[in-house]
Amino acid sequence: YVTKAPTLEEIETAKKGVAESKGWEKCDRCGGRFQVFPGRREDGSLT
């Protein structure tokens, strides 16, 4: 439950963490690691 909006500093920290992870995420269904490509990769794939 969110009762207070995050600050700008916290948002910048989150953006920096996403950039450094290079799109690697943990699958919510199988628990495996995979890479996601917002805006699509050069070959057209999203993940």
All heavy atoms as atom14 arrays in JSON, in Angstrom:
{
  "sequence": "YVTKAPTLEEIETAKKGVAESKGWEKCDRCGGRFQVFPGRREDGSLT",
  "atom14_mask": [
    [1, 1, 1, 1, 1, 1, 1, 1, 1, 1, 1, 1, 0, 0],
    [1, 1, 1, 1, 1, 1, 1, 0, 0, 0, 0, 0, 0, 0],
    [1, 1, 1, 1, 1, 1, 1, 0, 0, 0, 0, 0, 0, 0],
    [1, 1, 1, 1, 1, 1, 1, 1, 1, 0, 0, 0, 0, 0],
    [1, 1, 1, 1, 1, 0, 0, 0, 0, 0, 0, 0, 0, 0],
    [1, 1, 1, 1, 1, 1, 1, 0, 0, 0, 0, 0, 0, 0],
    [1, 1, 1, 1, 1, 1, 1, 0, 0, 0, 0, 0, 0, 0],
    [1, 1, 1, 1, 1, 1, 1, 1, 0, 0, 0, 0, 0, 0],
    [1, 1, 1, 1, 1, 1, 1, 1, 1, 0, 0, 0, 0, 0],
    [1, 1, 1, 1, 1, 1, 1, 1, 1, 0, 0, 0, 0, 0],
    [1, 1, 1, 1, 1, 1, 1, 1, 0, 0, 0, 0, 0, 0],
    [1, 1, 1, 1, 1, 1, 1, 1, 1, 0, 0, 0, 0, 0],
    [1, 1, 1, 1, 1, 1, 1, 0, 0, 0, 0, 0, 0, 0],
    [1, 1, 1, 1, 1, 0, 0, 0, 0, 0, 0, 0, 0, 0],
    [1, 1, 1, 1, 1, 1, 1, 1, 1, 0, 0, 0, 0, 0],
    [1, 1, 1, 1, 1, 1, 1, 1, 1, 0, 0, 0, 0, 0],
    [1, 1, 1, 1, 0, 0, 0, 0, 0, 0, 0, 0, 0, 0],
    [1, 1, 1, 1, 1, 1, 1, 0, 0, 0, 0, 0, 0, 0],
    [1, 1, 1, 1, 1, 0, 0, 0, 0, 0, 0, 0, 0, 0],
    [1, 1, 1, 1, 1, 1, 1, 1, 1, 0, 0, 0, 0, 0],
    [1, 1, 1, 1, 1, 1, 0, 0, 0, 0, 0, 0, 0, 0],
    [1, 1, 1, 1, 1, 1, 1, 1, 1, 0, 0, 0, 0, 0],
    [1, 1, 1, 1, 0, 0, 0, 0, 0, 0, 0, 0, 0, 0],
    [1, 1, 1, 1, 1, 1, 1, 1, 1, 1, 1, 1, 1, 1],
    [1, 1, 1, 1, 1, 1, 1, 1, 1, 0, 0, 0, 0, 0],
    [1, 1, 1, 1, 1, 1, 1, 1, 1, 0, 0, 0, 0, 0],
    [1, 1, 1, 1, 1, 1, 0, 0, 0, 0, 0, 0, 0, 0],
    [1, 1, 1, 1, 1, 1, 1, 1, 0, 0, 0, 0, 0, 0],
    [1, 1, 1, 1, 1, 1, 1, 1, 1, 1, 1, 0, 0, 0],
    [1, 1, 1, 1, 1, 1, 0, 0, 0, 0, 0, 0, 0, 0],
    [1, 1, 1, 1, 0, 0, 0, 0, 0, 0, 0, 0, 0, 0],
    [1, 1, 1, 1, 0, 0, 0, 0, 0, 0, 0, 0, 0, 0],
    [1, 1, 1, 1, 1, 1, 1, 1, 1, 1, 1, 0, 0, 0],
    [1, 1, 1, 1, 1, 1, 1, 1, 1, 1, 1, 0, 0, 0],
    [1, 1, 1, 1, 1, 1, 1, 1, 1, 0, 0, 0, 0, 0],
    [1, 1, 1, 1, 1, 1, 1, 0, 0, 0, 0, 0, 0, 0],
    [1, 1, 1, 1, 1, 1, 1, 1, 1, 1, 1, 0, 0, 0],
    [1, 1, 1, 1, 1, 1, 1, 0, 0, 0, 0, 0, 0, 0],
    [1, 1, 1, 1, 0, 0, 0, 0, 0, 0, 0, 0, 0, 0],
    [1, 1, 1, 1, 1, 1, 1, 1, 1, 1, 1, 0, 0, 0],
    [1, 1, 1, 1, 1, 1, 1, 1, 1, 1, 1, 0, 0, 0],
    [1, 1, 1, 1, 1, 1, 1, 1, 1, 0, 0, 0, 0, 0],
    [1, 1, 1, 1, 1, 1, 1, 1, 0, 0, 0, 0, 0, 0],
    [1, 1, 1, 1, 0, 0, 0, 0, 0, 0, 0, 0, 0, 0],
    [1, 1, 1, 1, 1, 1, 0, 0, 0, 0, 0, 0, 0, 0],
    [1, 1, 1, 1, 1, 1, 1, 1, 0, 0, 0, 0, 0, 0],
    [1, 1, 1, 1, 1, 1, 1, 0, 0, 0, 0, 0, 0, 0]
  ],
  "atom14_positions": [
    [[0.85, -1.19, 0.0], [0.0, 0.0, 0.0], [0.89, 1.24, 0.0], [1.8, 1.37, 0.82], [-0.92, 0.01, 1.23], [-1.95, -1.1, 1.2], [-1.66, -2.35, 1.73], [-3.21, -0.89, 0.65], [-2.6, -3.37, 1.71], [-4.16, -1.9, 0.63], [-3.84, -3.14, 1.16], [-4.77, -4.16, 1.13], [0.0, 0.0, 0.0], [0.0, 0.0, 0.0]],
    [[0.61, 2.17, -0.9], [1.41, 3.4, -1.04], [0.64, 4.55, -0.41], [-0.5, 4.84, -0.8], [1.7, 3.7, -2.52], [2.5, 4.99, -2.65], [2.44, 2.53, -3.17], [0.0, 0.0, 0.0], [0.0, 0.0, 0.0], [0.0, 0.0, 0.0], [0.0, 0.0, 0.0], [0.0, 0.0, 0.0], [0.0, 0.0, 0.0], [0.0, 0.0, 0.0]],
    [[1.23, 5.17, 0.57], [0.61, 6.31, 1.25], [1.37, 7.61, 1.0], [0.91, 8.68, 1.4], [0.55, 6.06, 2.76], [1.88, 5.81, 3.25], [-0.34, 4.86, 3.06], [0.0, 0.0, 0.0], [0.0, 0.0, 0.0], [0.0, 0.0, 0.0], [0.0, 0.0, 0.0], [0.0, 0.0, 0.0], [0.0, 0.0, 0.0], [0.0, 0.0, 0.0]],
    [[2.53, 7.52, 0.34], [3.34, 8.69, 0.09], [4.06, 8.51, -1.25], [4.64, 7.46, -1.51], [4.35, 8.9, 1.21], [5.22, 10.13, 1.06], [6.19, 10.25, 2.23], [7.09, 11.47, 2.08], [8.08, 11.58, 3.19], [0.0, 0.0, 0.0], [0.0, 0.0, 0.0], [0.0, 0.0, 0.0], [0.0, 0.0, 0.0], [0.0, 0.0, 0.0]],
    [[4.02, 9.55, -2.08], [4.65, 9.47, -3.39], [6.17, 9.49, -3.26], [6.72, 10.23, -2.42], [4.18, 10.63, -4.27], [0.0, 0.0, 0.0], [0.0, 0.0, 0.0], [0.0, 0.0, 0.0], [0.0, 0.0, 0.0], [0.0, 0.0, 0.0], [0.0, 0.0, 0.0], [0.0, 0.0, 0.0], [0.0, 0.0, 0.0], [0.0, 0.0, 0.0]],
    [[6.89, 8.71, -4.05], [8.36, 8.72, -4.0], [8.91, 10.09, -4.4], [8.31, 10.83, -5.19], [8.77, 7.65, -5.0], [7.55, 6.78, -5.15], [6.39, 7.69, -4.97], [0.0, 0.0, 0.0], [0.0, 0.0, 0.0], [0.0, 0.0, 0.0], [0.0, 0.0, 0.0], [0.0, 0.0, 0.0], [0.0, 0.0, 0.0], [0.0, 0.0, 0.0]],
    [[10.07, 10.43, -3.88], [10.72, 11.7, -4.21], [11.42, 11.6, -5.56], [11.63, 10.51, -6.11], [11.73, 12.08, -3.12], [12.75, 11.07, -3.07], [11.04, 12.18, -1.77], [0.0, 0.0, 0.0], [0.0, 0.0, 0.0], [0.0, 0.0, 0.0], [0.0, 0.0, 0.0], [0.0, 0.0, 0.0], [0.0, 0.0, 0.0], [0.0, 0.0, 0.0]],
    [[11.83, 12.75, -6.08], [12.54, 12.77, -7.36], [13.87, 12.04, -7.25], [14.32, 11.39, -8.22], [12.76, 14.22, -7.8], [11.49, 15.02, -8.13], [11.85, 16.46, -8.51], [10.72, 14.36, -9.26], [0.0, 0.0, 0.0], [0.0, 0.0, 0.0], [0.0, 0.0, 0.0], [0.0, 0.0, 0.0], [0.0, 0.0, 0.0], [0.0, 0.0, 0.0]],
    [[14.54, 12.15, -6.09], [15.81, 11.45, -5.92], [15.62, 9.94, -5.97], [16.42, 9.21, -6.57], [16.45, 11.85, -4.58], [16.94, 13.29, -4.51], [15.8, 14.29, -4.32], [14.66, 13.82, -4.06], [16.04, 15.5, -4.45], [0.0, 0.0, 0.0], [0.0, 0.0, 0.0], [0.0, 0.0, 0.0], [0.0, 0.0, 0.0], [0.0, 0.0, 0.0]],
    [[14.56, 9.46, -5.36], [14.28, 8.02, -5.39], [13.96, 7.56, -6.81], [14.36, 6.46, -7.23], [13.12, 7.7, -4.45], [13.45, 7.88, -2.97], [12.24, 7.68, -2.08], [11.1, 7.9, -2.57], [12.43, 7.33, -0.91], [0.0, 0.0, 0.0], [0.0, 0.0, 0.0], [0.0, 0.0, 0.0], [0.0, 0.0, 0.0], [0.0, 0.0, 0.0]],
    [[13.25, 8.39, -7.55], [12.92, 8.02, -8.94], [14.17, 7.95, -9.79], [14.35, 7.03, -10.61], [11.91, 9.03, -9.51], [10.57, 8.92, -8.78], [11.71, 8.81, -11.0], [9.55, 9.93, -9.2], [0.0, 0.0, 0.0], [0.0, 0.0, 0.0], [0.0, 0.0, 0.0], [0.0, 0.0, 0.0], [0.0, 0.0, 0.0], [0.0, 0.0, 0.0]],
    [[15.1, 8.89, -9.62], [16.34, 8.88, -10.38], [17.19, 7.65, -10.03], [17.82, 7.06, -10.9], [17.13, 10.16, -10.1], [16.51, 11.41, -10.7], [16.42, 11.33, -12.23], [17.34, 10.73, -12.84], [15.44, 11.84, -12.79], [0.0, 0.0, 0.0], [0.0, 0.0, 0.0], [0.0, 0.0, 0.0], [0.0, 0.0, 0.0], [0.0, 0.0, 0.0]],
    [[17.18, 7.29, -8.76], [17.91, 6.08, -8.36], [17.33, 4.84, -9.04], [18.07, 3.95, -9.49], [17.84, 5.92, -6.83], [18.37, 7.09, -6.21], [18.63, 4.7, -6.38], [0.0, 0.0, 0.0], [0.0, 0.0, 0.0], [0.0, 0.0, 0.0], [0.0, 0.0, 0.0], [0.0, 0.0, 0.0], [0.0, 0.0, 0.0], [0.0, 0.0, 0.0]],
    [[16.01, 4.78, -9.13], [15.37, 3.65, -9.78], [15.71, 3.6, -11.27], [15.99, 2.53, -11.82], [13.86, 3.73, -9.59], [0.0, 0.0, 0.0], [0.0, 0.0, 0.0], [0.0, 0.0, 0.0], [0.0, 0.0, 0.0], [0.0, 0.0, 0.0], [0.0, 0.0, 0.0], [0.0, 0.0, 0.0], [0.0, 0.0, 0.0], [0.0, 0.0, 0.0]],
    [[15.7, 4.74, -11.93], [16.03, 4.78, -13.36], [17.48, 4.36, -13.6], [17.78, 3.64, -14.56], [15.8, 6.19, -13.91], [14.33, 6.59, -14.01], [14.19, 7.98, -14.6], [12.73, 8.39, -14.75], [12.58, 9.76, -15.31], [0.0, 0.0, 0.0], [0.0, 0.0, 0.0], [0.0, 0.0, 0.0], [0.0, 0.0, 0.0], [0.0, 0.0, 0.0]],
    [[18.36, 4.78, -12.7], [19.77, 4.4, -12.84], [19.94, 2.9, -12.67], [20.71, 2.26, -13.4], [20.6, 5.15, -11.8], [22.1, 4.91, -11.92], [22.86, 5.73, -10.89], [24.36, 5.47, -11.01], [25.14, 6.23, -9.99], [0.0, 0.0, 0.0], [0.0, 0.0, 0.0], [0.0, 0.0, 0.0], [0.0, 0.0, 0.0], [0.0, 0.0, 0.0]],
    [[19.2, 2.32, -11.73], [19.29, 0.87, -11.52], [18.79, 0.09, -12.72], [19.37, -0.94, -13.09], [0.0, 0.0, 0.0], [0.0, 0.0, 0.0], [0.0, 0.0, 0.0], [0.0, 0.0, 0.0], [0.0, 0.0, 0.0], [0.0, 0.0, 0.0], [0.0, 0.0, 0.0], [0.0, 0.0, 0.0], [0.0, 0.0, 0.0], [0.0, 0.0, 0.0]],
    [[17.72, 0.56, -13.35], [17.19, -0.12, -14.54], [18.19, -0.03, -15.69], [18.4, -1.01, -16.42], [15.84, 0.5, -14.94], [15.37, -0.05, -16.28], [14.78, 0.24, -13.87], [0.0, 0.0, 0.0], [0.0, 0.0, 0.0], [0.0, 0.0, 0.0], [0.0, 0.0, 0.0], [0.0, 0.0, 0.0], [0.0, 0.0, 0.0], [0.0, 0.0, 0.0]],
    [[18.82, 1.12, -15.84], [19.8, 1.27, -16.91], [21.0, 0.36, -16.72], [21.52, -0.24, -17.67], [20.24, 2.73, -17.0], [0.0, 0.0, 0.0], [0.0, 0.0, 0.0], [0.0, 0.0, 0.0], [0.0, 0.0, 0.0], [0.0, 0.0, 0.0], [0.0, 0.0, 0.0], [0.0, 0.0, 0.0], [0.0, 0.0, 0.0], [0.0, 0.0, 0.0]],
    [[21.46, 0.23, -15.48], [22.63, -0.61, -15.21], [22.31, -2.11, -15.32], [23.2, -2.92, -15.59], [23.17, -0.3, -13.81], [23.8, 1.09, -13.69], [24.3, 1.37, -12.29], [24.01, 0.52, -11.4], [24.95, 2.4, -12.08], [0.0, 0.0, 0.0], [0.0, 0.0, 0.0], [0.0, 0.0, 0.0], [0.0, 0.0, 0.0], [0.0, 0.0, 0.0]],
    [[21.06, -2.49, -15.12], [20.69, -3.91, -15.24], [20.63, -4.37, -16.68], [20.59, -5.58, -16.94], [19.34, -4.15, -14.58], [18.3, -3.51, -15.31], [0.0, 0.0, 0.0], [0.0, 0.0, 0.0], [0.0, 0.0, 0.0], [0.0, 0.0, 0.0], [0.0, 0.0, 0.0], [0.0, 0.0, 0.0], [0.0, 0.0, 0.0], [0.0, 0.0, 0.0]],
    [[20.61, -3.41, -17.63], [20.6, -3.71, -19.07], [19.41, -4.59, -19.46], [19.51, -5.44, -20.35], [21.9, -4.38, -19.49], [23.13, -3.49, -19.3], [24.38, -4.19, -19.76], [25.6, -3.27, -19.56], [26.87, -3.93, -19.99], [0.0, 0.0, 0.0], [0.0, 0.0, 0.0], [0.0, 0.0, 0.0], [0.0, 0.0, 0.0], [0.0, 0.0, 0.0]],
    [[18.3, -4.38, -18.8], [17.07, -5.07, -19.18], [16.89, -6.46, -18.62], [15.91, -7.14, -18.98], [0.0, 0.0, 0.0], [0.0, 0.0, 0.0], [0.0, 0.0, 0.0], [0.0, 0.0, 0.0], [0.0, 0.0, 0.0], [0.0, 0.0, 0.0], [0.0, 0.0, 0.0], [0.0, 0.0, 0.0], [0.0, 0.0, 0.0], [0.0, 0.0, 0.0]],
    [[17.78, -6.94, -17.78], [17.64, -8.28, -17.22], [16.57, -8.29, -16.12], [16.6, -7.47, -15.21], [18.96, -8.79, -16.66], [19.92, -9.2, -17.75], [20.93, -8.47, -18.28], [19.91, -10.45, -18.44], [21.58, -9.17, -19.26], [20.97, -10.41, -19.38], [19.14, -11.61, -18.36], [21.26, -11.46, -20.23], [19.43, -12.66, -19.21], [20.47, -12.59, -20.13]],
    [[15.63, -9.23, -16.23], [14.53, -9.34, -15.28], [14.33, -10.8, -14.88], [14.88, -11.72, -15.51], [13.22, -8.8, -15.89], [13.27, -7.35, -16.34], [13.31, -6.36, -15.19], [13.11, -6.79, -14.04], [13.55, -5.18, -15.45], [0.0, 0.0, 0.0], [0.0, 0.0, 0.0], [0.0, 0.0, 0.0], [0.0, 0.0, 0.0], [0.0, 0.0, 0.0]],
    [[13.53, -10.99, -13.85], [13.17, -12.33, -13.41], [11.73, -12.61, -13.83], [10.83, -11.82, -13.54], [13.3, -12.44, -11.88], [12.96, -13.82, -11.34], [13.12, -13.87, -9.83], [12.75, -15.24, -9.28], [12.89, -15.3, -7.81], [0.0, 0.0, 0.0], [0.0, 0.0, 0.0], [0.0, 0.0, 0.0], [0.0, 0.0, 0.0], [0.0, 0.0, 0.0]],
    [[11.52, -13.72, -14.52], [10.19, -14.05, -15.04], [9.22, -14.27, -13.88], [9.53, -15.0, -12.92], [10.26, -15.29, -15.93], [8.65, -15.74, -16.66], [0.0, 0.0, 0.0], [0.0, 0.0, 0.0], [0.0, 0.0, 0.0], [0.0, 0.0, 0.0], [0.0, 0.0, 0.0], [0.0, 0.0, 0.0], [0.0, 0.0, 0.0], [0.0, 0.0, 0.0]],
    [[8.06, -13.66, -13.97], [7.06, -13.77, -12.92], [6.35, -15.12, -12.94], [5.69, -15.47, -11.97], [6.02, -12.64, -13.08], [5.04, -12.59, -11.94], [5.48, -12.42, -10.79], [3.83, -12.73, -12.2], [0.0, 0.0, 0.0], [0.0, 0.0, 0.0], [0.0, 0.0, 0.0], [0.0, 0.0, 0.0], [0.0, 0.0, 0.0], [0.0, 0.0, 0.0]],
    [[6.51, -15.88, -14.01], [5.81, -17.15, -14.14], [6.72, -18.35, -13.85], [6.38, -19.2, -13.05], [5.22, -17.28, -15.56], [4.04, -16.34, -15.79], [3.6, -16.34, -17.23], [2.35, -15.6, -17.42], [1.84, -15.28, -18.59], [2.48, -15.62, -19.7], [0.71, -14.61, -18.67], [0.0, 0.0, 0.0], [0.0, 0.0, 0.0], [0.0, 0.0, 0.0]],
    [[7.87, -18.4, -14.52], [8.74, -19.56, -14.34], [9.93, -19.28, -13.43], [10.61, -20.22, -13.01], [9.25, -20.04, -15.71], [10.38, -18.9, -16.53], [0.0, 0.0, 0.0], [0.0, 0.0, 0.0], [0.0, 0.0, 0.0], [0.0, 0.0, 0.0], [0.0, 0.0, 0.0], [0.0, 0.0, 0.0], [0.0, 0.0, 0.0], [0.0, 0.0, 0.0]],
    [[10.19, -18.01, -13.11], [11.3, -17.66, -12.24], [12.64, -17.6, -12.92], [13.66, -17.35, -12.26], [0.0, 0.0, 0.0], [0.0, 0.0, 0.0], [0.0, 0.0, 0.0], [0.0, 0.0, 0.0], [0.0, 0.0, 0.0], [0.0, 0.0, 0.0], [0.0, 0.0, 0.0], [0.0, 0.0, 0.0], [0.0, 0.0, 0.0], [0.0, 0.0, 0.0]],
    [[12.69, -17.78, -14.23], [13.95, -17.73, -14.96], [14.38, -16.3, -15.26], [13.59, -15.36, -15.21], [0.0, 0.0, 0.0], [0.0, 0.0, 0.0], [0.0, 0.0, 0.0], [0.0, 0.0, 0.0], [0.0, 0.0, 0.0], [0.0, 0.0, 0.0], [0.0, 0.0, 0.0], [0.0, 0.0, 0.0], [0.0, 0.0, 0.0], [0.0, 0.0, 0.0]],
    [[15.64, -16.15, -15.61], [16.19, -14.84, -15.96], [16.1, -14.64, -17.47], [16.35, -15.56, -18.26], [17.65, -14.75, -15.53], [17.88, -14.95, -14.04], [17.43, -13.77, -13.22], [18.22, -12.58, -13.49], [18.0, -11.39, -12.92], [17.0, -11.24, -12.06], [18.75, -10.37, -13.21], [0.0, 0.0, 0.0], [0.0, 0.0, 0.0], [0.0, 0.0, 0.0]],
    [[15.72, -13.45, -17.88], [15.65, -13.12, -19.3], [15.88, -11.63, -19.46], [15.91, -10.87, -18.49], [14.28, -13.53, -19.88], [13.14, -12.63, -19.44], [12.59, -11.68, -20.29], [12.6, -12.73, -18.16], [11.56, -10.86, -19.9], [11.56, -11.92, -17.75], [11.04, -10.98, -18.62], [0.0, 0.0, 0.0], [0.0, 0.0, 0.0], [0.0, 0.0, 0.0]],
    [[16.04, -11.22, -20.7], [16.32, -9.81, -20.99], [15.16, -9.21, -21.77], [14.61, -9.86, -22.68], [17.61, -9.69, -21.81], [18.24, -8.31, -21.79], [19.61, -8.3, -22.43], [20.03, -9.3, -23.03], [20.32, -7.2, -22.32], [0.0, 0.0, 0.0], [0.0, 0.0, 0.0], [0.0, 0.0, 0.0], [0.0, 0.0, 0.0], [0.0, 0.0, 0.0]],
    [[14.79, -8.0, -21.42], [13.69, -7.31, -22.08], [14.23, -6.11, -22.83], [15.18, -5.45, -22.4], [12.62, -6.88, -21.04], [13.18, -5.87, -20.05], [11.39, -6.31, -21.72], [0.0, 0.0, 0.0], [0.0, 0.0, 0.0], [0.0, 0.0, 0.0], [0.0, 0.0, 0.0], [0.0, 0.0, 0.0], [0.0, 0.0, 0.0], [0.0, 0.0, 0.0]],
    [[13.62, -5.83, -24.0], [14.1, -4.76, -24.88], [12.97, -3.78, -25.18], [12.25, -3.95, -26.17], [14.64, -5.34, -26.2], [15.6, -6.47, -26.01], [15.25, -7.76, -26.37], [16.86, -6.26, -25.47], [16.13, -8.81, -26.2], [17.74, -7.3, -25.3], [17.38, -8.58, -25.66], [0.0, 0.0, 0.0], [0.0, 0.0, 0.0], [0.0, 0.0, 0.0]],
    [[12.75, -2.78, -24.32], [11.72, -1.77, -24.61], [12.04, -1.05, -25.93], [13.18, -0.66, -26.18], [11.81, -0.81, -23.42], [12.44, -1.62, -22.33], [13.4, -2.53, -23.02], [0.0, 0.0, 0.0], [0.0, 0.0, 0.0], [0.0, 0.0, 0.0], [0.0, 0.0, 0.0], [0.0, 0.0, 0.0], [0.0, 0.0, 0.0], [0.0, 0.0, 0.0]],
    [[11.04, -0.88, -26.76], [11.24, -0.26, -28.06], [11.74, -1.23, -29.11], [11.99, -0.82, -30.24], [0.0, 0.0, 0.0], [0.0, 0.0, 0.0], [0.0, 0.0, 0.0], [0.0, 0.0, 0.0], [0.0, 0.0, 0.0], [0.0, 0.0, 0.0], [0.0, 0.0, 0.0], [0.0, 0.0, 0.0], [0.0, 0.0, 0.0], [0.0, 0.0, 0.0]],
    [[11.92, -2.5, -28.78], [12.35, -3.59, -29.65], [13.85, -3.52, -29.95], [14.43, -2.45, -30.09], [11.57, -3.62, -30.97], [10.09, -3.95, -30.78], [9.39, -4.17, -32.11], [7.98, -4.44, -31.92], [7.48, -5.64, -31.66], [8.3, -6.67, -31.58], [6.18, -5.81, -31.5], [0.0, 0.0, 0.0], [0.0, 0.0, 0.0], [0.0, 0.0, 0.0]],
    [[14.42, -4.71, -30.06], [15.81, -4.85, -30.44], [15.92, -4.71, -31.95], [14.92, -4.63, -32.66], [16.34, -6.21, -29.97], [17.85, -6.32, -29.9], [18.29, -7.57, -29.17], [17.71, -8.78, -29.73], [17.98, -10.0, -29.31], [18.8, -10.18, -28.28], [17.41, -11.06, -29.85], [0.0, 0.0, 0.0], [0.0, 0.0, 0.0], [0.0, 0.0, 0.0]],
    [[17.16, -4.67, -32.46], [17.36, -4.49, -33.89], [16.7, -5.6, -34.71], [16.24, -5.35, -35.82], [18.86, -4.43, -34.2], [19.56, -3.2, -33.62], [21.03, -3.18, -33.95], [21.51, -4.15, -34.59], [21.7, -2.2, -33.59], [0.0, 0.0, 0.0], [0.0, 0.0, 0.0], [0.0, 0.0, 0.0], [0.0, 0.0, 0.0], [0.0, 0.0, 0.0]],
    [[16.69, -6.82, -34.17], [16.06, -7.92, -34.9], [14.54, -7.97, -34.71], [13.87, -8.87, -35.2], [16.67, -9.25, -34.47], [16.48, -9.52, -32.98], [15.96, -8.63, -32.28], [16.85, -10.61, -32.52], [0.0, 0.0, 0.0], [0.0, 0.0, 0.0], [0.0, 0.0, 0.0], [0.0, 0.0, 0.0], [0.0, 0.0, 0.0], [0.0, 0.0, 0.0]],
    [[13.97, -7.0, -33.97], [12.52, -6.91, -33.79], [11.97, -7.62, -32.57], [10.77, -7.52, -32.29], [0.0, 0.0, 0.0], [0.0, 0.0, 0.0], [0.0, 0.0, 0.0], [0.0, 0.0, 0.0], [0.0, 0.0, 0.0], [0.0, 0.0, 0.0], [0.0, 0.0, 0.0], [0.0, 0.0, 0.0], [0.0, 0.0, 0.0], [0.0, 0.0, 0.0]],
    [[12.82, -8.31, -31.82], [12.33, -9.05, -30.65], [12.19, -8.11, -29.45], [12.89, -7.11, -29.33], [13.29, -10.19, -30.3], [14.58, -9.68, -30.01], [0.0, 0.0, 0.0], [0.0, 0.0, 0.0], [0.0, 0.0, 0.0], [0.0, 0.0, 0.0], [0.0, 0.0, 0.0], [0.0, 0.0, 0.0], [0.0, 0.0, 0.0], [0.0, 0.0, 0.0]],
    [[11.25, -8.47, -28.56], [11.0, -7.69, -27.35], [11.66, -8.3, -26.12], [11.97, -7.59, -25.17], [9.49, -7.58, -27.1], [8.7, -6.72, -28.09], [7.21, -6.86, -27.83], [9.11, -5.27, -27.99], [0.0, 0.0, 0.0], [0.0, 0.0, 0.0], [0.0, 0.0, 0.0], [0.0, 0.0, 0.0], [0.0, 0.0, 0.0], [0.0, 0.0, 0.0]],
    [[11.86, -9.62, -26.12], [12.49, -10.3, -24.99], [13.4, -11.4, -25.5], [13.33, -11.81, -26.65], [11.43, -10.92, -24.06], [10.69, -11.92, -24.78], [10.48, -9.88, -23.51], [0.0, 0.0, 0.0], [0.0, 0.0, 0.0], [0.0, 0.0, 0.0], [0.0, 0.0, 0.0], [0.0, 0.0, 0.0], [0.0, 0.0, 0.0], [0.0, 0.0, 0.0]]
  ]
}
